[in-house]
Amino acid sequence: MSPVAYYVVVWLLLIFAWATNFVIRIGFSALLPSIITELGLSYTRAGLLASAFFYAYVLMQLPAGLLGDRFGRRRVLVLGLLCGGLAAGLTGLTGSFAALFVARALTGACQGTLFSTIGRSSPRSRRSIGSASVRGCRSRAPASVSRSAW
């Protein structure tokens, strides 16, 4: 595969990964009222569940870059995608607050590894456009989802 095709494929995969990541993050919020009722949660505990993903996601950003430098970005990306998918699936199988909290935190930590790859996967002359492509899709997704809700 030529270098041009390689980085374009990586960009497209990252855009798809971010779109999936977005659905997993936002979809949980839509399900939260049902989860509150089913598990008999207080609003405080529901807020902790909603926050578990985001705190783990943010805290994993820097370690993901360091792990990518040490073990290879491709390995970190693939492991993050696989673990994130598994953890998201576990979210639906939980039956208690504690298990759901762990599943959401694990999902966030795994998905926090996704965007440490864009810089090194792009040729030096294309790093800005690669970053803008992925980040541009990230900023447009909420607008497109809210427009489709009408």
N, C-alpha and C. Protein backbone atom coordinates (compact mmCIF):
# COMPACT_ATOMS: atom_id res chain seq x y z
N MET A 1 0.86 -1.17 0.00
CA MET A 1 0.00 0.00 0.00
C MET A 1 0.91 1.24 0.00
N SER A 2 0.60 2.19 -0.81
CA SER A 2 1.42 3.40 -0.89
C SER A 2 1.25 4.22 0.39
N PRO A 3 2.24 5.08 0.72
CA PRO A 3 2.13 5.89 1.93
C PRO A 3 0.88 6.79 1.93
N VAL A 4 0.50 7.29 0.78
CA VAL A 4 -0.69 8.15 0.71
C VAL A 4 -1.92 7.34 1.09
N ALA A 5 -2.06 6.18 0.50
CA ALA A 5 -3.23 5.35 0.79
C ALA A 5 -3.24 4.91 2.26
N TYR A 6 -2.06 4.63 2.82
CA TYR A 6 -1.99 4.19 4.21
C TYR A 6 -2.54 5.24 5.16
N TYR A 7 -2.06 6.47 5.05
CA TYR A 7 -2.52 7.46 6.01
C TYR A 7 -3.98 7.85 5.78
N VAL A 8 -4.45 7.79 4.56
CA VAL A 8 -5.87 8.07 4.30
C VAL A 8 -6.73 6.99 4.94
N VAL A 9 -6.30 5.74 4.84
CA VAL A 9 -7.03 4.64 5.48
C VAL A 9 -7.05 4.83 6.99
N VAL A 10 -5.91 5.21 7.55
CA VAL A 10 -5.85 5.45 9.00
C VAL A 10 -6.81 6.58 9.38
N TRP A 11 -6.83 7.65 8.62
CA TRP A 11 -7.74 8.75 8.91
C TRP A 11 -9.18 8.27 8.88
N LEU A 12 -9.54 7.53 7.84
CA LEU A 12 -10.93 7.04 7.73
C LEU A 12 -11.29 6.11 8.88
N LEU A 13 -10.35 5.26 9.27
CA LEU A 13 -10.61 4.38 10.41
C LEU A 13 -10.78 5.18 11.70
N LEU A 14 -9.97 6.21 11.87
CA LEU A 14 -10.11 7.04 13.06
C LEU A 14 -11.42 7.82 13.06
N ILE A 15 -11.84 8.28 11.92
CA ILE A 15 -13.12 8.97 11.83
C ILE A 15 -14.25 8.01 12.19
N PHE A 16 -14.20 6.79 11.65
CA PHE A 16 -15.21 5.77 11.99
C PHE A 16 -15.15 5.43 13.48
N ALA A 17 -13.94 5.29 14.02
CA ALA A 17 -13.78 4.99 15.45
C ALA A 17 -14.36 6.12 16.30
N TRP A 18 -14.11 7.36 15.89
CA TRP A 18 -14.66 8.46 16.67
C TRP A 18 -16.18 8.49 16.59
N ALA A 19 -16.73 8.22 15.44
CA ALA A 19 -18.19 8.20 15.30
C ALA A 19 -18.79 7.13 16.21
N THR A 20 -18.15 5.97 16.26
CA THR A 20 -18.61 4.90 17.15
C THR A 20 -18.47 5.33 18.60
N ASN A 21 -17.34 5.93 18.92
CA ASN A 21 -17.08 6.46 20.26
C ASN A 21 -18.17 7.45 20.65
N PHE A 22 -18.53 8.32 19.73
CA PHE A 22 -19.56 9.33 19.99
C PHE A 22 -20.90 8.68 20.30
N VAL A 23 -21.27 7.67 19.53
CA VAL A 23 -22.55 6.98 19.75
C VAL A 23 -22.55 6.29 21.12
N ILE A 24 -21.44 5.67 21.50
CA ILE A 24 -21.35 4.99 22.79
C ILE A 24 -21.46 6.00 23.93
N ARG A 25 -20.83 7.14 23.78
CA ARG A 25 -20.90 8.17 24.84
C ARG A 25 -22.29 8.76 24.96
N ILE A 26 -22.87 9.17 23.84
CA ILE A 26 -24.15 9.85 23.85
C ILE A 26 -25.30 8.87 24.08
N GLY A 27 -25.19 7.67 23.55
CA GLY A 27 -26.25 6.68 23.70
C GLY A 27 -26.51 6.33 25.15
N PHE A 28 -25.48 6.32 25.96
CA PHE A 28 -25.65 6.01 27.38
C PHE A 28 -26.52 7.07 28.05
N SER A 29 -26.33 8.31 27.70
CA SER A 29 -27.14 9.39 28.29
C SER A 29 -28.62 9.21 27.97
N ALA A 30 -28.91 8.76 26.77
CA ALA A 30 -30.30 8.53 26.40
C ALA A 30 -30.91 7.37 27.17
N LEU A 31 -30.10 6.42 27.56
CA LEU A 31 -30.58 5.26 28.31
C LEU A 31 -30.61 5.48 29.82
N LEU A 32 -30.00 6.55 30.28
CA LEU A 32 -29.87 6.78 31.72
C LEU A 32 -31.21 6.81 32.47
N PRO A 33 -32.27 7.43 31.97
CA PRO A 33 -33.54 7.38 32.71
C PRO A 33 -34.04 5.95 32.94
N SER A 34 -33.91 5.10 31.97
CA SER A 34 -34.31 3.70 32.15
C SER A 34 -33.42 2.99 33.15
N ILE A 35 -32.13 3.28 33.11
CA ILE A 35 -31.18 2.66 34.04
C ILE A 35 -31.48 3.11 35.46
N ILE A 36 -31.80 4.39 35.65
CA ILE A 36 -32.14 4.91 36.98
C ILE A 36 -33.33 4.15 37.55
N THR A 37 -34.33 3.96 36.72
CA THR A 37 -35.54 3.25 37.17
C THR A 37 -35.23 1.79 37.47
N GLU A 38 -34.54 1.13 36.55
CA GLU A 38 -34.28 -0.31 36.70
C GLU A 38 -33.40 -0.63 37.90
N LEU A 39 -32.35 0.17 38.12
CA LEU A 39 -31.44 -0.09 39.23
C LEU A 39 -31.80 0.69 40.50
N GLY A 40 -32.82 1.52 40.42
CA GLY A 40 -33.23 2.32 41.58
C GLY A 40 -32.16 3.28 42.05
N LEU A 41 -31.55 3.97 41.12
CA LEU A 41 -30.42 4.86 41.43
C LEU A 41 -30.89 6.26 41.79
N SER A 42 -30.11 6.91 42.63
CA SER A 42 -30.33 8.34 42.89
C SER A 42 -29.71 9.13 41.74
N TYR A 43 -30.05 10.40 41.65
CA TYR A 43 -29.47 11.23 40.60
C TYR A 43 -27.96 11.39 40.80
N THR A 44 -27.52 11.35 42.05
CA THR A 44 -26.08 11.44 42.33
C THR A 44 -25.35 10.26 41.73
N ARG A 45 -25.87 9.06 41.97
CA ARG A 45 -25.24 7.86 41.42
C ARG A 45 -25.33 7.85 39.89
N ALA A 46 -26.42 8.32 39.35
CA ALA A 46 -26.55 8.40 37.89
C ALA A 46 -25.50 9.35 37.32
N GLY A 47 -25.27 10.46 38.02
CA GLY A 47 -24.23 11.40 37.59
C GLY A 47 -22.85 10.78 37.65
N LEU A 48 -22.60 9.95 38.66
CA LEU A 48 -21.32 9.26 38.74
C LEU A 48 -21.14 8.29 37.58
N LEU A 49 -22.21 7.62 37.21
CA LEU A 49 -22.15 6.71 36.06
C LEU A 49 -21.83 7.48 34.78
N ALA A 50 -22.50 8.61 34.62
CA ALA A 50 -22.27 9.42 33.41
C ALA A 50 -20.85 9.97 33.40
N SER A 51 -20.29 10.26 34.56
CA SER A 51 -18.94 10.83 34.65
C SER A 51 -17.85 9.79 34.54
N ALA A 52 -18.13 8.54 34.88
CA ALA A 52 -17.10 7.49 34.89
C ALA A 52 -16.40 7.39 33.54
N PHE A 53 -17.18 7.39 32.47
CA PHE A 53 -16.60 7.29 31.13
C PHE A 53 -15.66 8.45 30.86
N PHE A 54 -16.11 9.66 31.13
CA PHE A 54 -15.34 10.85 30.77
C PHE A 54 -14.05 10.99 31.56
N TYR A 55 -14.11 10.71 32.87
CA TYR A 55 -12.88 10.80 33.66
C TYR A 55 -11.85 9.78 33.19
N ALA A 56 -12.27 8.56 32.94
CA ALA A 56 -11.34 7.53 32.47
C ALA A 56 -10.81 7.88 31.07
N TYR A 57 -11.68 8.41 30.23
CA TYR A 57 -11.30 8.80 28.86
C TYR A 57 -10.22 9.88 28.91
N VAL A 58 -10.42 10.90 29.71
CA VAL A 58 -9.47 12.00 29.80
C VAL A 58 -8.16 11.55 30.43
N LEU A 59 -8.25 10.76 31.49
CA LEU A 59 -7.05 10.32 32.19
C LEU A 59 -6.20 9.36 31.35
N MET A 60 -6.78 8.73 30.35
CA MET A 60 -6.04 7.78 29.52
C MET A 60 -5.33 8.44 28.34
N GLN A 61 -5.62 9.68 28.04
CA GLN A 61 -5.04 10.34 26.86
C GLN A 61 -3.51 10.35 26.89
N LEU A 62 -2.92 10.85 27.94
CA LEU A 62 -1.46 10.94 28.03
C LEU A 62 -0.81 9.55 28.12
N PRO A 63 -1.29 8.67 28.99
CA PRO A 63 -0.69 7.33 29.02
C PRO A 63 -0.80 6.60 27.68
N ALA A 64 -1.87 6.83 26.93
CA ALA A 64 -2.02 6.17 25.63
C ALA A 64 -0.91 6.61 24.68
N GLY A 65 -0.58 7.88 24.69
CA GLY A 65 0.52 8.36 23.86
C GLY A 65 1.85 7.75 24.27
N LEU A 66 2.07 7.66 25.58
CA LEU A 66 3.32 7.07 26.07
C LEU A 66 3.38 5.57 25.75
N LEU A 67 2.26 4.88 25.90
CA LEU A 67 2.20 3.46 25.54
C LEU A 67 2.42 3.27 24.04
N GLY A 68 1.88 4.18 23.24
CA GLY A 68 2.08 4.11 21.80
C GLY A 68 3.54 4.29 21.43
N ASP A 69 4.22 5.20 22.12
CA ASP A 69 5.65 5.40 21.87
C ASP A 69 6.45 4.16 22.24
N ARG A 70 6.06 3.51 23.31
CA ARG A 70 6.82 2.36 23.79
C ARG A 70 6.51 1.06 23.04
N PHE A 71 5.23 0.78 22.81
CA PHE A 71 4.83 -0.51 22.25
C PHE A 71 4.36 -0.43 20.80
N GLY A 72 4.21 0.77 20.28
CA GLY A 72 3.74 0.94 18.91
C GLY A 72 2.30 1.43 18.90
N ARG A 73 2.06 2.44 18.12
CA ARG A 73 0.73 3.06 18.08
C ARG A 73 -0.32 2.11 17.52
N ARG A 74 0.06 1.31 16.55
CA ARG A 74 -0.90 0.38 15.97
C ARG A 74 -1.41 -0.61 17.02
N ARG A 75 -0.49 -1.13 17.82
CA ARG A 75 -0.89 -2.07 18.88
C ARG A 75 -1.82 -1.41 19.88
N VAL A 76 -1.47 -0.21 20.29
CA VAL A 76 -2.30 0.50 21.27
C VAL A 76 -3.68 0.79 20.68
N LEU A 77 -3.72 1.20 19.42
CA LEU A 77 -5.00 1.50 18.77
C LEU A 77 -5.86 0.25 18.67
N VAL A 78 -5.30 -0.85 18.19
CA VAL A 78 -6.08 -2.08 18.03
C VAL A 78 -6.53 -2.60 19.39
N LEU A 79 -5.65 -2.60 20.36
CA LEU A 79 -6.03 -3.06 21.70
C LEU A 79 -7.12 -2.17 22.29
N GLY A 80 -6.99 -0.86 22.10
CA GLY A 80 -8.01 0.07 22.60
C GLY A 80 -9.36 -0.15 21.94
N LEU A 81 -9.35 -0.38 20.63
CA LEU A 81 -10.61 -0.63 19.92
C LEU A 81 -11.26 -1.93 20.38
N LEU A 82 -10.47 -2.99 20.48
CA LEU A 82 -11.02 -4.28 20.90
C LEU A 82 -11.53 -4.24 22.34
N CYS A 83 -10.71 -3.70 23.24
CA CYS A 83 -11.13 -3.61 24.65
C CYS A 83 -12.32 -2.67 24.81
N GLY A 84 -12.33 -1.58 24.06
CA GLY A 84 -13.45 -0.65 24.14
C GLY A 84 -14.76 -1.28 23.69
N GLY A 85 -14.70 -2.07 22.63
CA GLY A 85 -15.89 -2.77 22.17
C GLY A 85 -16.37 -3.80 23.17
N LEU A 86 -15.43 -4.54 23.75
CA LEU A 86 -15.78 -5.52 24.77
C LEU A 86 -16.39 -4.85 26.01
N ALA A 87 -15.76 -3.77 26.45
CA ALA A 87 -16.25 -3.06 27.64
C ALA A 87 -17.63 -2.44 27.37
N ALA A 88 -17.84 -1.92 26.17
CA ALA A 88 -19.15 -1.36 25.84
C ALA A 88 -20.21 -2.47 25.85
N GLY A 89 -19.85 -3.65 25.37
CA GLY A 89 -20.76 -4.79 25.42
C GLY A 89 -21.06 -5.21 26.85
N LEU A 90 -20.04 -5.16 27.71
CA LEU A 90 -20.24 -5.51 29.12
C LEU A 90 -21.20 -4.55 29.81
N THR A 91 -21.24 -3.32 29.34
CA THR A 91 -22.14 -2.32 29.92
C THR A 91 -23.58 -2.82 29.90
N GLY A 92 -23.97 -3.47 28.83
CA GLY A 92 -25.33 -3.97 28.71
C GLY A 92 -25.61 -5.21 29.54
N LEU A 93 -24.56 -5.86 30.02
CA LEU A 93 -24.74 -7.10 30.78
C LEU A 93 -24.70 -6.89 32.29
N THR A 94 -24.42 -5.68 32.72
CA THR A 94 -24.30 -5.44 34.16
C THR A 94 -25.67 -5.35 34.82
N GLY A 95 -25.68 -5.61 36.11
CA GLY A 95 -26.94 -5.56 36.84
C GLY A 95 -26.86 -4.78 38.14
N SER A 96 -25.74 -4.12 38.37
CA SER A 96 -25.60 -3.35 39.61
C SER A 96 -24.86 -2.05 39.31
N PHE A 97 -24.96 -1.13 40.24
CA PHE A 97 -24.29 0.16 40.09
C PHE A 97 -22.78 -0.04 39.97
N ALA A 98 -22.19 -0.83 40.85
CA ALA A 98 -20.73 -1.02 40.85
C ALA A 98 -20.24 -1.61 39.53
N ALA A 99 -20.92 -2.64 39.06
CA ALA A 99 -20.51 -3.28 37.80
C ALA A 99 -20.67 -2.31 36.63
N LEU A 100 -21.74 -1.55 36.63
CA LEU A 100 -21.97 -0.58 35.56
C LEU A 100 -20.92 0.53 35.60
N PHE A 101 -20.56 0.97 36.79
CA PHE A 101 -19.53 2.00 36.95
C PHE A 101 -18.20 1.50 36.38
N VAL A 102 -17.82 0.28 36.72
CA VAL A 102 -16.56 -0.30 36.23
C VAL A 102 -16.61 -0.45 34.71
N ALA A 103 -17.72 -0.93 34.18
CA ALA A 103 -17.84 -1.11 32.73
C ALA A 103 -17.74 0.22 31.99
N ARG A 104 -18.38 1.25 32.51
CA ARG A 104 -18.31 2.57 31.87
C ARG A 104 -16.91 3.17 31.96
N ALA A 105 -16.26 3.01 33.11
CA ALA A 105 -14.89 3.53 33.27
C ALA A 105 -13.93 2.78 32.35
N LEU A 106 -14.10 1.48 32.24
CA LEU A 106 -13.25 0.68 31.36
C LEU A 106 -13.48 1.07 29.90
N THR A 107 -14.72 1.30 29.54
CA THR A 107 -15.03 1.74 28.17
C THR A 107 -14.33 3.08 27.89
N GLY A 108 -14.42 3.99 28.82
CA GLY A 108 -13.77 5.30 28.65
C GLY A 108 -12.26 5.19 28.54
N ALA A 109 -11.66 4.38 29.39
CA ALA A 109 -10.20 4.21 29.36
C ALA A 109 -9.75 3.61 28.03
N CYS A 110 -10.47 2.61 27.57
CA CYS A 110 -10.10 1.97 26.30
C CYS A 110 -10.28 2.93 25.13
N GLN A 111 -11.35 3.68 25.13
CA GLN A 111 -11.57 4.61 24.03
C GLN A 111 -10.68 5.84 24.12
N GLY A 112 -10.09 6.07 25.27
CA GLY A 112 -9.13 7.16 25.42
C GLY A 112 -7.84 6.93 24.66
N THR A 113 -7.65 5.72 24.15
CA THR A 113 -6.42 5.41 23.40
C THR A 113 -6.53 5.73 21.92
N LEU A 114 -7.73 6.06 21.45
CA LEU A 114 -7.97 6.13 20.01
C LEU A 114 -7.20 7.20 19.26
N PHE A 115 -7.00 8.35 19.84
CA PHE A 115 -6.50 9.47 19.04
C PHE A 115 -5.04 9.81 19.29
N SER A 116 -4.33 8.85 19.87
CA SER A 116 -2.89 9.07 20.04
C SER A 116 -2.13 8.67 18.78
N THR A 117 -2.83 8.21 17.75
CA THR A 117 -2.17 7.68 16.56
C THR A 117 -2.10 8.64 15.38
N ILE A 118 -2.89 9.69 15.35
CA ILE A 118 -3.01 10.50 14.14
C ILE A 118 -1.69 11.17 13.73
N GLY A 119 -0.93 11.67 14.70
CA GLY A 119 0.30 12.38 14.36
C GLY A 119 1.34 11.51 13.67
N ARG A 120 1.59 10.34 14.20
CA ARG A 120 2.63 9.47 13.65
C ARG A 120 2.16 8.68 12.43
N SER A 121 0.87 8.59 12.23
CA SER A 121 0.35 7.83 11.10
C SER A 121 0.30 8.66 9.83
N SER A 122 0.53 9.94 9.95
CA SER A 122 0.47 10.84 8.80
C SER A 122 1.88 11.28 8.42
N PRO A 123 2.14 11.43 7.13
CA PRO A 123 3.43 12.00 6.74
C PRO A 123 3.57 13.41 7.31
N ARG A 124 4.78 13.81 7.56
CA ARG A 124 5.03 15.11 8.18
C ARG A 124 4.30 16.24 7.43
N SER A 125 4.27 16.17 6.11
CA SER A 125 3.64 17.23 5.32
C SER A 125 2.11 17.20 5.39
N ARG A 126 1.53 16.14 5.95
CA ARG A 126 0.06 15.99 6.00
C ARG A 126 -0.49 15.91 7.42
N ARG A 127 0.33 16.13 8.43
CA ARG A 127 -0.14 15.99 9.81
C ARG A 127 -1.24 16.96 10.16
N SER A 128 -1.15 18.16 9.69
CA SER A 128 -2.19 19.15 10.01
C SER A 128 -3.52 18.78 9.39
N ILE A 129 -3.51 18.36 8.14
CA ILE A 129 -4.77 17.99 7.48
C ILE A 129 -5.35 16.72 8.11
N GLY A 130 -4.49 15.79 8.53
CA GLY A 130 -4.97 14.58 9.20
C GLY A 130 -5.64 14.90 10.51
N SER A 131 -4.99 15.74 11.29
CA SER A 131 -5.56 16.14 12.56
C SER A 131 -6.86 16.91 12.36
N ALA A 132 -6.86 17.80 11.37
CA ALA A 132 -8.07 18.59 11.09
C ALA A 132 -9.21 17.70 10.60
N SER A 133 -8.89 16.67 9.82
CA SER A 133 -9.93 15.76 9.32
C SER A 133 -10.63 15.05 10.46
N VAL A 134 -9.85 14.49 11.35
CA VAL A 134 -10.44 13.76 12.48
C VAL A 134 -11.12 14.73 13.43
N ARG A 135 -10.47 15.81 13.78
CA ARG A 135 -11.05 16.76 14.72
C ARG A 135 -12.25 17.49 14.11
N GLY A 136 -12.20 17.72 12.81
CA GLY A 136 -13.33 18.36 12.13
C GLY A 136 -14.57 17.50 12.19
N CYS A 137 -14.39 16.21 12.00
CA CYS A 137 -15.54 15.30 12.11
C CYS A 137 -16.05 15.27 13.54
N ARG A 138 -15.15 15.38 14.49
CA ARG A 138 -15.55 15.38 15.90
C ARG A 138 -16.41 16.60 16.21
N SER A 139 -16.08 17.73 15.64
CA SER A 139 -16.84 18.93 15.97
C SER A 139 -18.16 19.01 15.21
N ARG A 140 -18.27 18.32 14.09
CA ARG A 140 -19.51 18.35 13.31
C ARG A 140 -20.52 17.29 13.76
N ALA A 141 -20.06 16.24 14.39
CA ALA A 141 -20.96 15.15 14.77
C ALA A 141 -22.10 15.61 15.68
N PRO A 142 -21.83 16.40 16.74
CA PRO A 142 -22.97 16.82 17.57
C PRO A 142 -23.98 17.64 16.79
N ALA A 143 -23.52 18.49 15.87
CA ALA A 143 -24.44 19.31 15.08
C ALA A 143 -25.27 18.44 14.16
N SER A 144 -24.65 17.45 13.54
CA SER A 144 -25.40 16.60 12.62
C SER A 144 -26.40 15.73 13.37
N VAL A 145 -26.06 15.28 14.57
CA VAL A 145 -26.98 14.47 15.36
C VAL A 145 -28.15 15.34 15.81
N SER A 146 -27.87 16.55 16.27
CA SER A 146 -28.97 17.40 16.74
C SER A 146 -29.89 17.81 15.59
N ARG A 147 -29.32 18.00 14.39
CA ARG A 147 -30.17 18.33 13.23
C ARG A 147 -31.03 17.14 12.83
N SER A 148 -30.49 15.94 12.95
CA SER A 148 -31.26 14.77 12.54
C SER A 148 -32.36 14.47 13.56
N ALA A 149 -32.22 14.97 14.77
CA ALA A 149 -33.25 14.74 15.79
C ALA A 149 -34.52 15.53 15.48
N TRP A 150 -34.39 16.59 14.69
CA TRP A 150 -35.58 17.37 14.33
C TRP A 150 -36.39 16.55 13.41
